[in-house]
Amino acid sequence: MMESKPCIRRMALDKRNLLSLEEVAGKSEAIQKRLFSLERFEKADTVMAYMSFGNEVSTEQLIVQCLRSGKKIVVPRVEKSMSDGSGGVVKSLGVYEIKEAGKHMVTGYMGIVEPDASVLRKVDPLEIDFVIVPGVAFDIARNRIGYGGGYYDRFLRTLRPDCLKAAVAFELQVFDSIPAAEYDLPVDVIVTEDRIISTADLSL
């Protein structure tokens, strides 16, 4: 019997939290090199990256390198902008362009660094060519388990059909199979420190 999403989420987080800072840095560097080797990434003009925290795959140097190479980089901010149909408000992701790494950033939702919406330009998701997606657990069918808020599941549906959705994860976060509901959206590719997981017909 397959484990539940909460159980798999806890298992993956527990394993990831055991990584040392040196292991996170080394594995993140290897993942970045694999990501940068993708032709679709090289050709992308506008790239969305998340702001890493804790023992996530680090995106700090990735963002710096993208900016140096002339790519337009946008990062997410949790915003209250969607009605839930009953008078309440559902949090969603807005994306903002950054020109310099670490500049015009503030501490936001759950203590994660976010773009300062009062200073930076908000970007239409349809401008994005390539999205680097975070997550807690994945499987070889490219299904994803996030932190439980559903922000990325909703956001990814607002992108152009040709926008590549690439998850970055440590190999220990990849399972043979995880539960996937009808509303769950798989990513196009998963990049780990050891391999690239995608469908055979996907041009990368």
N, C-alpha and C. Protein backbone atom coordinates (compact mmCIF):
# COMPACT_ATOMS: atom_id res chain seq x y z
N MET A 1 0.85 -1.20 0.00
CA MET A 1 0.00 0.00 0.00
C MET A 1 0.88 1.26 0.00
N MET A 2 0.54 2.20 -0.89
CA MET A 2 1.32 3.44 -1.00
C MET A 2 1.11 4.32 0.22
N GLU A 3 2.20 4.93 0.68
CA GLU A 3 2.12 5.85 1.81
C GLU A 3 1.33 7.09 1.42
N SER A 4 0.75 7.77 2.41
CA SER A 4 -0.01 8.99 2.16
C SER A 4 0.92 10.16 1.86
N LYS A 5 0.37 11.23 1.29
CA LYS A 5 1.18 12.42 1.02
C LYS A 5 1.82 12.99 2.28
N PRO A 6 1.07 13.16 3.38
CA PRO A 6 1.70 13.69 4.60
C PRO A 6 2.85 12.82 5.10
N CYS A 7 2.69 11.52 4.98
CA CYS A 7 3.75 10.61 5.44
C CYS A 7 4.99 10.73 4.56
N ILE A 8 4.79 10.76 3.24
CA ILE A 8 5.92 10.90 2.32
C ILE A 8 6.59 12.25 2.51
N ARG A 9 5.79 13.29 2.71
CA ARG A 9 6.34 14.63 2.93
C ARG A 9 7.24 14.64 4.16
N ARG A 10 6.77 14.01 5.24
CA ARG A 10 7.56 13.96 6.47
C ARG A 10 8.85 13.16 6.27
N MET A 11 8.74 12.02 5.58
CA MET A 11 9.91 11.19 5.32
C MET A 11 10.97 11.95 4.52
N ALA A 12 10.51 12.63 3.46
CA ALA A 12 11.44 13.37 2.60
C ALA A 12 12.09 14.52 3.36
N LEU A 13 11.30 15.25 4.13
CA LEU A 13 11.85 16.36 4.90
C LEU A 13 12.86 15.87 5.95
N ASP A 14 12.53 14.76 6.59
CA ASP A 14 13.45 14.21 7.60
C ASP A 14 14.78 13.84 6.96
N LYS A 15 14.74 13.21 5.79
CA LYS A 15 15.98 12.81 5.11
C LYS A 15 16.76 14.04 4.64
N ARG A 16 16.03 15.02 4.10
CA ARG A 16 16.70 16.23 3.61
C ARG A 16 17.34 17.02 4.74
N ASN A 17 16.67 17.05 5.89
CA ASN A 17 17.19 17.82 7.03
C ASN A 17 18.45 17.21 7.63
N LEU A 18 18.73 15.95 7.29
CA LEU A 18 19.94 15.31 7.79
C LEU A 18 21.18 15.70 6.99
N LEU A 19 20.98 16.34 5.83
CA LEU A 19 22.13 16.76 5.03
C LEU A 19 22.89 17.89 5.73
N SER A 20 24.20 17.82 5.66
CA SER A 20 25.02 18.90 6.21
C SER A 20 25.01 20.08 5.25
N LEU A 21 25.46 21.23 5.72
CA LEU A 21 25.54 22.41 4.86
C LEU A 21 26.48 22.16 3.69
N GLU A 22 27.55 21.40 3.94
CA GLU A 22 28.51 21.08 2.89
C GLU A 22 27.87 20.18 1.84
N GLU A 23 27.06 19.22 2.28
CA GLU A 23 26.39 18.33 1.33
C GLU A 23 25.36 19.09 0.50
N VAL A 24 24.61 19.98 1.14
CA VAL A 24 23.63 20.79 0.41
C VAL A 24 24.33 21.63 -0.65
N ALA A 25 25.44 22.25 -0.29
CA ALA A 25 26.17 23.10 -1.22
C ALA A 25 26.74 22.29 -2.39
N GLY A 26 27.34 21.15 -2.08
CA GLY A 26 27.94 20.33 -3.13
C GLY A 26 26.92 19.75 -4.09
N LYS A 27 25.84 19.22 -3.54
CA LYS A 27 24.80 18.65 -4.37
C LYS A 27 24.08 19.74 -5.18
N SER A 28 23.89 20.89 -4.58
CA SER A 28 23.24 22.00 -5.28
C SER A 28 24.07 22.45 -6.47
N GLU A 29 25.38 22.48 -6.29
CA GLU A 29 26.27 22.86 -7.39
C GLU A 29 26.18 21.87 -8.54
N ALA A 30 26.14 20.58 -8.21
CA ALA A 30 26.02 19.55 -9.25
C ALA A 30 24.69 19.67 -9.99
N ILE A 31 23.62 19.96 -9.25
CA ILE A 31 22.30 20.13 -9.87
C ILE A 31 22.30 21.35 -10.79
N GLN A 32 22.92 22.43 -10.34
CA GLN A 32 22.98 23.64 -11.16
C GLN A 32 23.70 23.36 -12.48
N LYS A 33 24.80 22.61 -12.44
CA LYS A 33 25.54 22.29 -13.66
C LYS A 33 24.68 21.49 -14.63
N ARG A 34 23.92 20.53 -14.12
CA ARG A 34 23.04 19.75 -14.98
C ARG A 34 21.94 20.63 -15.57
N LEU A 35 21.39 21.51 -14.75
CA LEU A 35 20.33 22.41 -15.22
C LEU A 35 20.86 23.32 -16.32
N PHE A 36 22.06 23.88 -16.11
CA PHE A 36 22.64 24.79 -17.08
C PHE A 36 23.01 24.09 -18.39
N SER A 37 23.13 22.76 -18.35
CA SER A 37 23.48 22.01 -19.56
C SER A 37 22.29 21.80 -20.48
N LEU A 38 21.08 22.07 -19.99
CA LEU A 38 19.88 21.87 -20.80
C LEU A 38 19.77 22.96 -21.87
N GLU A 39 19.56 22.55 -23.10
CA GLU A 39 19.42 23.51 -24.19
C GLU A 39 18.22 24.42 -23.98
N ARG A 40 17.13 23.86 -23.44
CA ARG A 40 15.94 24.67 -23.18
C ARG A 40 16.22 25.77 -22.15
N PHE A 41 17.07 25.46 -21.18
CA PHE A 41 17.45 26.47 -20.19
C PHE A 41 18.34 27.53 -20.83
N GLU A 42 19.30 27.09 -21.62
CA GLU A 42 20.21 28.03 -22.26
C GLU A 42 19.46 29.02 -23.16
N LYS A 43 18.42 28.54 -23.83
CA LYS A 43 17.68 29.39 -24.77
C LYS A 43 16.62 30.26 -24.09
N ALA A 44 16.31 29.98 -22.84
CA ALA A 44 15.26 30.72 -22.13
C ALA A 44 15.70 32.15 -21.85
N ASP A 45 14.83 33.10 -22.17
CA ASP A 45 15.12 34.51 -21.88
C ASP A 45 14.70 34.88 -20.46
N THR A 46 13.50 34.42 -20.06
CA THR A 46 12.97 34.74 -18.73
C THR A 46 12.85 33.46 -17.91
N VAL A 47 13.57 33.42 -16.80
CA VAL A 47 13.60 32.24 -15.94
C VAL A 47 13.01 32.59 -14.58
N MET A 48 12.13 31.74 -14.08
CA MET A 48 11.61 31.90 -12.73
C MET A 48 12.35 30.95 -11.80
N ALA A 49 12.88 31.49 -10.72
CA ALA A 49 13.57 30.68 -9.72
C ALA A 49 12.95 30.95 -8.35
N TYR A 50 12.94 29.96 -7.49
CA TYR A 50 12.44 30.17 -6.13
C TYR A 50 13.59 30.63 -5.24
N MET A 51 13.24 31.23 -4.12
CA MET A 51 14.24 31.65 -3.13
C MET A 51 14.38 30.52 -2.12
N SER A 52 15.50 29.85 -2.13
CA SER A 52 15.68 28.66 -1.29
C SER A 52 15.80 29.02 0.18
N PHE A 53 15.36 28.08 1.02
CA PHE A 53 15.50 28.25 2.47
C PHE A 53 15.72 26.88 3.08
N GLY A 54 16.28 26.89 4.30
CA GLY A 54 16.54 25.61 4.97
C GLY A 54 17.46 24.73 4.14
N ASN A 55 17.13 23.46 4.05
CA ASN A 55 17.96 22.51 3.31
C ASN A 55 17.43 22.23 1.91
N GLU A 56 16.72 23.19 1.32
CA GLU A 56 16.31 23.05 -0.07
C GLU A 56 17.53 23.10 -0.98
N VAL A 57 17.37 22.62 -2.21
CA VAL A 57 18.39 22.84 -3.22
C VAL A 57 18.64 24.34 -3.31
N SER A 58 19.87 24.76 -3.11
CA SER A 58 20.18 26.19 -3.07
C SER A 58 20.07 26.82 -4.45
N THR A 59 19.43 27.98 -4.52
CA THR A 59 19.30 28.71 -5.79
C THR A 59 20.10 30.01 -5.79
N GLU A 60 20.83 30.27 -4.73
CA GLU A 60 21.54 31.55 -4.61
C GLU A 60 22.51 31.78 -5.75
N GLN A 61 23.42 30.84 -5.97
CA GLN A 61 24.41 30.99 -7.03
C GLN A 61 23.78 30.84 -8.41
N LEU A 62 22.76 30.03 -8.51
CA LEU A 62 22.05 29.87 -9.77
C LEU A 62 21.48 31.21 -10.24
N ILE A 63 20.87 31.95 -9.31
CA ILE A 63 20.30 33.26 -9.65
C ILE A 63 21.40 34.23 -10.06
N VAL A 64 22.51 34.21 -9.32
CA VAL A 64 23.64 35.08 -9.65
C VAL A 64 24.16 34.79 -11.05
N GLN A 65 24.34 33.52 -11.38
CA GLN A 65 24.85 33.15 -12.70
C GLN A 65 23.88 33.51 -13.81
N CYS A 66 22.59 33.35 -13.56
CA CYS A 66 21.58 33.73 -14.57
C CYS A 66 21.64 35.22 -14.86
N LEU A 67 21.73 36.02 -13.81
CA LEU A 67 21.81 37.46 -13.99
C LEU A 67 23.08 37.85 -14.75
N ARG A 68 24.18 37.21 -14.43
CA ARG A 68 25.44 37.50 -15.11
C ARG A 68 25.37 37.15 -16.60
N SER A 69 24.60 36.11 -16.92
CA SER A 69 24.50 35.68 -18.32
C SER A 69 23.47 36.48 -19.10
N GLY A 70 22.81 37.43 -18.44
CA GLY A 70 21.87 38.30 -19.14
C GLY A 70 20.43 37.82 -19.16
N LYS A 71 20.13 36.76 -18.43
CA LYS A 71 18.75 36.29 -18.38
C LYS A 71 17.92 37.19 -17.47
N LYS A 72 16.64 37.30 -17.80
CA LYS A 72 15.71 38.01 -16.93
C LYS A 72 15.25 37.01 -15.86
N ILE A 73 15.43 37.37 -14.58
CA ILE A 73 15.08 36.47 -13.49
C ILE A 73 13.88 37.02 -12.73
N VAL A 74 12.90 36.15 -12.52
CA VAL A 74 11.75 36.52 -11.70
C VAL A 74 11.64 35.53 -10.54
N VAL A 75 11.19 36.03 -9.40
CA VAL A 75 11.06 35.19 -8.21
C VAL A 75 9.68 35.39 -7.60
N PRO A 76 9.17 34.39 -6.86
CA PRO A 76 7.79 34.44 -6.37
C PRO A 76 7.60 35.16 -5.05
N ARG A 77 6.39 35.61 -4.85
CA ARG A 77 5.95 36.23 -3.61
C ARG A 77 4.55 35.71 -3.31
N VAL A 78 4.31 35.29 -2.08
CA VAL A 78 2.98 34.83 -1.69
C VAL A 78 2.08 36.03 -1.46
N GLU A 79 0.96 36.05 -2.18
CA GLU A 79 0.05 37.19 -2.11
C GLU A 79 -1.38 36.72 -1.87
N LYS A 80 -2.19 37.58 -1.30
CA LYS A 80 -3.60 37.29 -1.09
C LYS A 80 -4.39 37.91 -2.24
N SER A 81 -4.66 37.10 -3.24
CA SER A 81 -5.27 37.69 -4.43
C SER A 81 -6.36 36.85 -5.08
N MET A 82 -6.70 35.72 -4.48
CA MET A 82 -7.71 34.87 -5.10
C MET A 82 -8.88 34.66 -4.16
N SER A 83 -10.10 34.79 -4.69
CA SER A 83 -11.30 34.50 -3.91
C SER A 83 -11.53 33.01 -3.87
N ASP A 84 -11.95 32.50 -2.72
CA ASP A 84 -12.22 31.06 -2.62
C ASP A 84 -13.68 30.74 -2.90
N GLY A 85 -14.46 31.76 -3.34
CA GLY A 85 -15.86 31.54 -3.70
C GLY A 85 -16.83 31.68 -2.56
N SER A 86 -16.33 31.83 -1.34
CA SER A 86 -17.21 31.96 -0.19
C SER A 86 -16.90 33.23 0.62
N GLY A 87 -16.31 34.18 -0.05
CA GLY A 87 -16.00 35.44 0.62
C GLY A 87 -14.63 35.50 1.23
N GLY A 88 -13.93 34.37 1.26
CA GLY A 88 -12.59 34.34 1.80
C GLY A 88 -11.55 34.59 0.71
N VAL A 89 -10.28 34.61 1.11
CA VAL A 89 -9.20 34.87 0.17
C VAL A 89 -8.18 33.73 0.24
N VAL A 90 -7.77 33.25 -0.92
CA VAL A 90 -6.77 32.20 -1.01
C VAL A 90 -5.44 32.82 -1.42
N LYS A 91 -4.37 32.42 -0.75
CA LYS A 91 -3.05 32.93 -1.11
C LYS A 91 -2.60 32.35 -2.45
N SER A 92 -1.96 33.18 -3.25
CA SER A 92 -1.44 32.76 -4.55
C SER A 92 -0.05 33.32 -4.74
N LEU A 93 0.60 32.92 -5.82
CA LEU A 93 1.95 33.42 -6.11
C LEU A 93 1.90 34.55 -7.13
N GLY A 94 2.61 35.64 -6.82
CA GLY A 94 2.90 36.68 -7.79
C GLY A 94 4.38 36.61 -8.08
N VAL A 95 4.81 37.03 -9.27
CA VAL A 95 6.23 36.97 -9.60
C VAL A 95 6.75 38.35 -9.96
N TYR A 96 7.98 38.63 -9.53
CA TYR A 96 8.58 39.94 -9.69
C TYR A 96 9.99 39.81 -10.25
N GLU A 97 10.37 40.72 -11.12
CA GLU A 97 11.70 40.69 -11.72
C GLU A 97 12.72 41.29 -10.76
N ILE A 98 13.86 40.62 -10.63
CA ILE A 98 14.96 41.17 -9.84
C ILE A 98 16.12 41.48 -10.78
N LYS A 99 16.79 42.57 -10.52
CA LYS A 99 17.92 43.00 -11.35
C LYS A 99 19.26 42.65 -10.70
N GLU A 100 19.27 42.59 -9.36
CA GLU A 100 20.48 42.28 -8.62
C GLU A 100 20.15 41.25 -7.54
N ALA A 101 20.99 40.25 -7.40
CA ALA A 101 20.77 39.22 -6.38
C ALA A 101 20.82 39.83 -4.99
N GLY A 102 19.81 39.57 -4.19
CA GLY A 102 19.78 40.03 -2.81
C GLY A 102 19.29 41.44 -2.60
N LYS A 103 19.02 42.17 -3.67
CA LYS A 103 18.60 43.56 -3.53
C LYS A 103 17.08 43.68 -3.63
N HIS A 104 16.49 44.56 -2.83
CA HIS A 104 15.04 44.80 -2.79
C HIS A 104 14.28 43.52 -2.42
N MET A 105 14.79 42.80 -1.42
CA MET A 105 14.14 41.60 -0.92
C MET A 105 13.72 41.82 0.53
N VAL A 106 12.66 41.16 0.94
CA VAL A 106 12.14 41.28 2.29
C VAL A 106 11.83 39.88 2.83
N THR A 107 11.71 39.78 4.15
CA THR A 107 11.30 38.51 4.75
C THR A 107 9.78 38.41 4.67
N GLY A 108 9.31 37.33 4.06
CA GLY A 108 7.88 37.19 3.81
C GLY A 108 7.27 35.98 4.45
N TYR A 109 6.36 35.34 3.74
CA TYR A 109 5.58 34.22 4.23
C TYR A 109 6.48 33.10 4.75
N MET A 110 6.21 32.63 5.96
CA MET A 110 6.96 31.55 6.61
C MET A 110 8.44 31.87 6.75
N GLY A 111 8.79 33.17 6.76
CA GLY A 111 10.17 33.56 6.92
C GLY A 111 11.02 33.44 5.67
N ILE A 112 10.38 33.14 4.53
CA ILE A 112 11.12 32.99 3.26
C ILE A 112 11.37 34.37 2.66
N VAL A 113 12.54 34.57 2.10
CA VAL A 113 12.87 35.84 1.45
C VAL A 113 12.02 35.99 0.19
N GLU A 114 11.41 37.17 0.04
CA GLU A 114 10.54 37.45 -1.09
C GLU A 114 10.90 38.79 -1.72
N PRO A 115 10.50 39.02 -2.97
CA PRO A 115 10.74 40.32 -3.60
C PRO A 115 9.88 41.40 -2.95
N ASP A 116 10.40 42.60 -2.88
CA ASP A 116 9.68 43.75 -2.34
C ASP A 116 8.72 44.28 -3.41
N ALA A 117 7.45 44.02 -3.23
CA ALA A 117 6.45 44.39 -4.24
C ALA A 117 6.30 45.90 -4.40
N SER A 118 6.76 46.68 -3.43
CA SER A 118 6.65 48.13 -3.53
C SER A 118 7.72 48.74 -4.42
N VAL A 119 8.72 47.93 -4.77
CA VAL A 119 9.85 48.44 -5.55
C VAL A 119 9.98 47.75 -6.90
N LEU A 120 9.81 46.45 -6.93
CA LEU A 120 10.08 45.66 -8.12
C LEU A 120 8.87 45.52 -9.04
N ARG A 121 9.16 45.24 -10.32
CA ARG A 121 8.11 45.11 -11.32
C ARG A 121 7.45 43.73 -11.26
N LYS A 122 6.12 43.74 -11.19
CA LYS A 122 5.39 42.48 -11.24
C LYS A 122 5.33 42.00 -12.69
N VAL A 123 5.53 40.70 -12.88
CA VAL A 123 5.65 40.12 -14.22
C VAL A 123 4.45 39.23 -14.51
N ASP A 124 3.95 39.32 -15.73
CA ASP A 124 2.89 38.44 -16.20
C ASP A 124 3.47 37.04 -16.34
N PRO A 125 2.86 36.01 -15.74
CA PRO A 125 3.39 34.65 -15.86
C PRO A 125 3.58 34.19 -17.31
N LEU A 126 2.84 34.78 -18.24
CA LEU A 126 2.95 34.39 -19.64
C LEU A 126 4.29 34.82 -20.25
N GLU A 127 5.04 35.67 -19.56
CA GLU A 127 6.37 36.09 -20.03
C GLU A 127 7.44 35.03 -19.75
N ILE A 128 7.14 34.09 -18.87
CA ILE A 128 8.16 33.15 -18.38
C ILE A 128 8.38 32.02 -19.38
N ASP A 129 9.65 31.71 -19.63
CA ASP A 129 10.03 30.63 -20.56
C ASP A 129 10.40 29.34 -19.85
N PHE A 130 10.88 29.45 -18.60
CA PHE A 130 11.43 28.30 -17.90
C PHE A 130 11.23 28.52 -16.40
N VAL A 131 10.62 27.55 -15.72
CA VAL A 131 10.35 27.67 -14.29
C VAL A 131 11.14 26.62 -13.52
N ILE A 132 11.88 27.05 -12.52
CA ILE A 132 12.58 26.14 -11.61
C ILE A 132 11.66 25.93 -10.41
N VAL A 133 11.18 24.72 -10.25
CA VAL A 133 10.12 24.41 -9.29
C VAL A 133 10.70 23.73 -8.04
N PRO A 134 10.35 24.22 -6.86
CA PRO A 134 10.76 23.53 -5.63
C PRO A 134 9.78 22.41 -5.30
N GLY A 135 10.10 21.64 -4.29
CA GLY A 135 9.20 20.59 -3.85
C GLY A 135 9.83 19.79 -2.74
N VAL A 136 9.02 18.96 -2.10
CA VAL A 136 9.51 18.13 -1.01
C VAL A 136 9.82 16.71 -1.48
N ALA A 137 8.93 16.16 -2.31
CA ALA A 137 9.12 14.80 -2.80
C ALA A 137 8.64 14.69 -4.25
N PHE A 138 9.28 13.79 -4.99
CA PHE A 138 8.95 13.57 -6.40
C PHE A 138 9.00 12.07 -6.69
N ASP A 139 8.47 11.68 -7.85
CA ASP A 139 8.65 10.29 -8.27
C ASP A 139 9.11 10.26 -9.72
N ILE A 140 9.41 9.06 -10.23
CA ILE A 140 9.99 8.94 -11.56
C ILE A 140 8.97 9.26 -12.66
N ALA A 141 7.69 9.36 -12.30
CA ALA A 141 6.68 9.82 -13.25
C ALA A 141 6.55 11.34 -13.23
N ARG A 142 7.44 11.99 -12.47
CA ARG A 142 7.54 13.45 -12.38
C ARG A 142 6.40 14.09 -11.58
N ASN A 143 5.71 13.27 -10.77
CA ASN A 143 4.72 13.83 -9.85
C ASN A 143 5.45 14.54 -8.71
N ARG A 144 4.75 15.47 -8.09
CA ARG A 144 5.39 16.35 -7.09
C ARG A 144 4.53 16.48 -5.85
N ILE A 145 5.17 16.47 -4.69
CA ILE A 145 4.51 16.83 -3.44
C ILE A 145 5.21 18.07 -2.91
N GLY A 146 4.43 19.14 -2.70
CA GLY A 146 4.98 20.38 -2.18
C GLY A 146 4.82 20.46 -0.67
N TYR A 147 4.72 21.67 -0.18
CA TYR A 147 4.62 21.88 1.27
C TYR A 147 3.17 21.87 1.76
N GLY A 148 2.22 21.72 0.85
CA GLY A 148 0.84 21.56 1.26
C GLY A 148 -0.06 22.76 1.01
N GLY A 149 0.50 23.86 0.53
CA GLY A 149 -0.31 25.06 0.30
C GLY A 149 -0.97 25.11 -1.06
N GLY A 150 -0.46 24.35 -2.01
CA GLY A 150 -1.04 24.32 -3.35
C GLY A 150 -0.70 25.52 -4.21
N TYR A 151 0.26 26.36 -3.74
CA TYR A 151 0.58 27.59 -4.49
C TYR A 151 1.12 27.28 -5.88
N TYR A 152 2.07 26.36 -5.96
CA TYR A 152 2.66 26.07 -7.26
C TYR A 152 1.70 25.32 -8.16
N ASP A 153 0.87 24.43 -7.61
CA ASP A 153 -0.11 23.72 -8.44
C ASP A 153 -1.02 24.72 -9.14
N ARG A 154 -1.43 25.75 -8.43
CA ARG A 154 -2.29 26.77 -9.05
C ARG A 154 -1.50 27.65 -10.02
N PHE A 155 -0.30 28.04 -9.60
CA PHE A 155 0.49 28.95 -10.43
C PHE A 155 0.92 28.32 -11.75
N LEU A 156 1.35 27.08 -11.71
CA LEU A 156 1.86 26.43 -12.93
C LEU A 156 0.81 26.35 -14.02
N ARG A 157 -0.45 26.38 -13.64
CA ARG A 157 -1.52 26.34 -14.63
C ARG A 157 -1.71 27.67 -15.36
N THR A 158 -1.07 28.72 -14.89
CA THR A 158 -1.19 30.04 -15.52
C THR A 158 -0.10 30.28 -16.55
N LEU A 159 0.82 29.35 -16.73
CA LEU A 159 1.95 29.52 -17.63
C LEU A 159 1.60 29.14 -19.06
N ARG A 160 2.42 29.57 -20.00
CA ARG A 160 2.24 29.16 -21.39
C ARG A 160 2.48 27.65 -21.51
N PRO A 161 1.80 27.00 -22.45
CA PRO A 161 2.00 25.55 -22.61
C PRO A 161 3.44 25.17 -22.93
N ASP A 162 4.20 26.08 -23.59
CA ASP A 162 5.57 25.76 -23.96
C ASP A 162 6.59 26.15 -22.89
N CYS A 163 6.15 26.68 -21.78
CA CYS A 163 7.05 27.00 -20.68
C CYS A 163 7.48 25.71 -19.99
N LEU A 164 8.78 25.48 -19.91
CA LEU A 164 9.28 24.24 -19.32
C LEU A 164 9.27 24.32 -17.80
N LYS A 165 8.69 23.32 -17.16
CA LYS A 165 8.61 23.26 -15.70
C LYS A 165 9.64 22.23 -15.21
N ALA A 166 10.73 22.72 -14.63
CA ALA A 166 11.83 21.86 -14.21
C ALA A 166 11.98 21.90 -12.69
N ALA A 167 11.78 20.76 -12.06
CA ALA A 167 11.99 20.66 -10.61
C ALA A 167 13.46 20.36 -10.34
N VAL A 168 13.98 20.93 -9.27
CA VAL A 168 15.32 20.58 -8.81
C VAL A 168 15.17 19.91 -7.45
N ALA A 169 15.87 18.81 -7.26
CA ALA A 169 15.72 18.03 -6.02
C ALA A 169 16.96 17.20 -5.79
N PHE A 170 17.22 16.91 -4.53
CA PHE A 170 18.26 15.95 -4.20
C PHE A 170 17.75 14.55 -4.51
N GLU A 171 18.65 13.66 -4.86
CA GLU A 171 18.26 12.29 -5.22
C GLU A 171 17.44 11.63 -4.11
N LEU A 172 17.73 11.95 -2.86
CA LEU A 172 17.01 11.34 -1.74
C LEU A 172 15.54 11.77 -1.69
N GLN A 173 15.16 12.79 -2.44
CA GLN A 173 13.77 13.25 -2.47
C GLN A 173 12.94 12.54 -3.54
N VAL A 174 13.59 11.70 -4.35
CA VAL A 174 12.89 11.03 -5.46
C VAL A 174 12.49 9.62 -5.04
N PHE A 175 11.19 9.34 -5.12
CA PHE A 175 10.62 8.03 -4.76
C PHE A 175 10.20 7.30 -6.03
N ASP A 176 10.00 5.99 -5.92
CA ASP A 176 9.52 5.22 -7.07
C ASP A 176 8.12 5.67 -7.48
N SER A 177 7.28 5.95 -6.48
CA SER A 177 5.90 6.37 -6.76
C SER A 177 5.35 7.14 -5.57
N ILE A 178 4.61 8.22 -5.86
CA ILE A 178 3.94 8.99 -4.81
C ILE A 178 2.49 9.22 -5.23
N PRO A 179 1.58 9.46 -4.29
CA PRO A 179 0.18 9.69 -4.65
C PRO A 179 0.03 10.95 -5.50
N ALA A 180 -0.85 10.89 -6.48
CA ALA A 180 -1.12 12.06 -7.33
C ALA A 180 -2.62 12.15 -7.58
N ALA A 181 -3.21 13.29 -7.18
CA ALA A 181 -4.63 13.52 -7.40
C ALA A 181 -4.84 14.15 -8.77
N GLU A 182 -6.10 14.23 -9.18
CA GLU A 182 -6.43 14.77 -10.50
C GLU A 182 -5.94 16.20 -10.68
N TYR A 183 -5.97 17.00 -9.59
CA TYR A 183 -5.59 18.40 -9.69
C TYR A 183 -4.07 18.60 -9.58
N ASP A 184 -3.32 17.56 -9.23
CA ASP A 184 -1.86 17.67 -9.13
C ASP A 184 -1.25 17.75 -10.53
N LEU A 185 -0.33 18.65 -10.71
CA LEU A 185 0.30 18.87 -12.01
C LEU A 185 1.74 18.37 -11.98
N PRO A 186 2.07 17.36 -12.78
CA PRO A 186 3.47 16.91 -12.81
C PRO A 186 4.37 17.93 -13.48
N VAL A 187 5.64 17.91 -13.16
CA VAL A 187 6.60 18.78 -13.83
C VAL A 187 7.07 18.10 -15.11
N ASP A 188 7.76 18.85 -15.96
CA ASP A 188 8.24 18.29 -17.22
C ASP A 188 9.54 17.50 -17.03
N VAL A 189 10.35 17.95 -16.10
CA VAL A 189 11.64 17.33 -15.89
C VAL A 189 12.06 17.51 -14.44
N ILE A 190 12.82 16.55 -13.92
CA ILE A 190 13.41 16.66 -12.58
C ILE A 190 14.91 16.55 -12.73
N VAL A 191 15.62 17.50 -12.12
CA VAL A 191 17.08 17.51 -12.18
C VAL A 191 17.62 17.25 -10.78
N THR A 192 18.37 16.18 -10.61
CA THR A 192 19.01 15.86 -9.34
C THR A 192 20.52 15.93 -9.53
N GLU A 193 21.27 15.69 -8.46
CA GLU A 193 22.72 15.70 -8.57
C GLU A 193 23.24 14.52 -9.38
N ASP A 194 22.39 13.48 -9.59
CA ASP A 194 22.82 12.27 -10.28
C ASP A 194 22.24 12.08 -11.67
N ARG A 195 21.09 12.68 -11.95
CA ARG A 195 20.42 12.37 -13.22
C ARG A 195 19.39 13.44 -13.59
N ILE A 196 18.89 13.30 -14.81
CA ILE A 196 17.79 14.12 -15.31
C ILE A 196 16.64 13.18 -15.65
N ILE A 197 15.49 13.41 -15.05
CA ILE A 197 14.33 12.54 -15.25
C ILE A 197 13.32 13.26 -16.13
N SER A 198 13.01 12.69 -17.28
CA SER A 198 12.03 13.28 -18.18
C SER A 198 11.45 12.20 -19.06
N THR A 199 10.47 12.56 -19.87
CA THR A 199 9.93 11.61 -20.84
C THR A 199 10.87 11.54 -22.03
N ALA A 200 10.87 10.42 -22.71
CA ALA A 200 11.80 10.20 -23.81
C ALA A 200 11.55 11.16 -24.97
N ASP A 201 10.31 11.63 -25.11
CA ASP A 201 9.99 12.47 -26.27
C ASP A 201 10.16 13.96 -25.98
N LEU A 202 10.62 14.32 -24.78
CA LEU A 202 10.78 15.72 -24.43
C LEU A 202 12.13 16.23 -24.89
N SER A 203 12.13 17.26 -25.72
CA SER A 203 13.37 17.85 -26.20
C SER A 203 13.91 18.81 -25.15
N LEU A 204 15.10 18.52 -24.64
CA LEU A 204 15.70 19.36 -23.60
C LEU A 204 16.91 20.12 -24.13
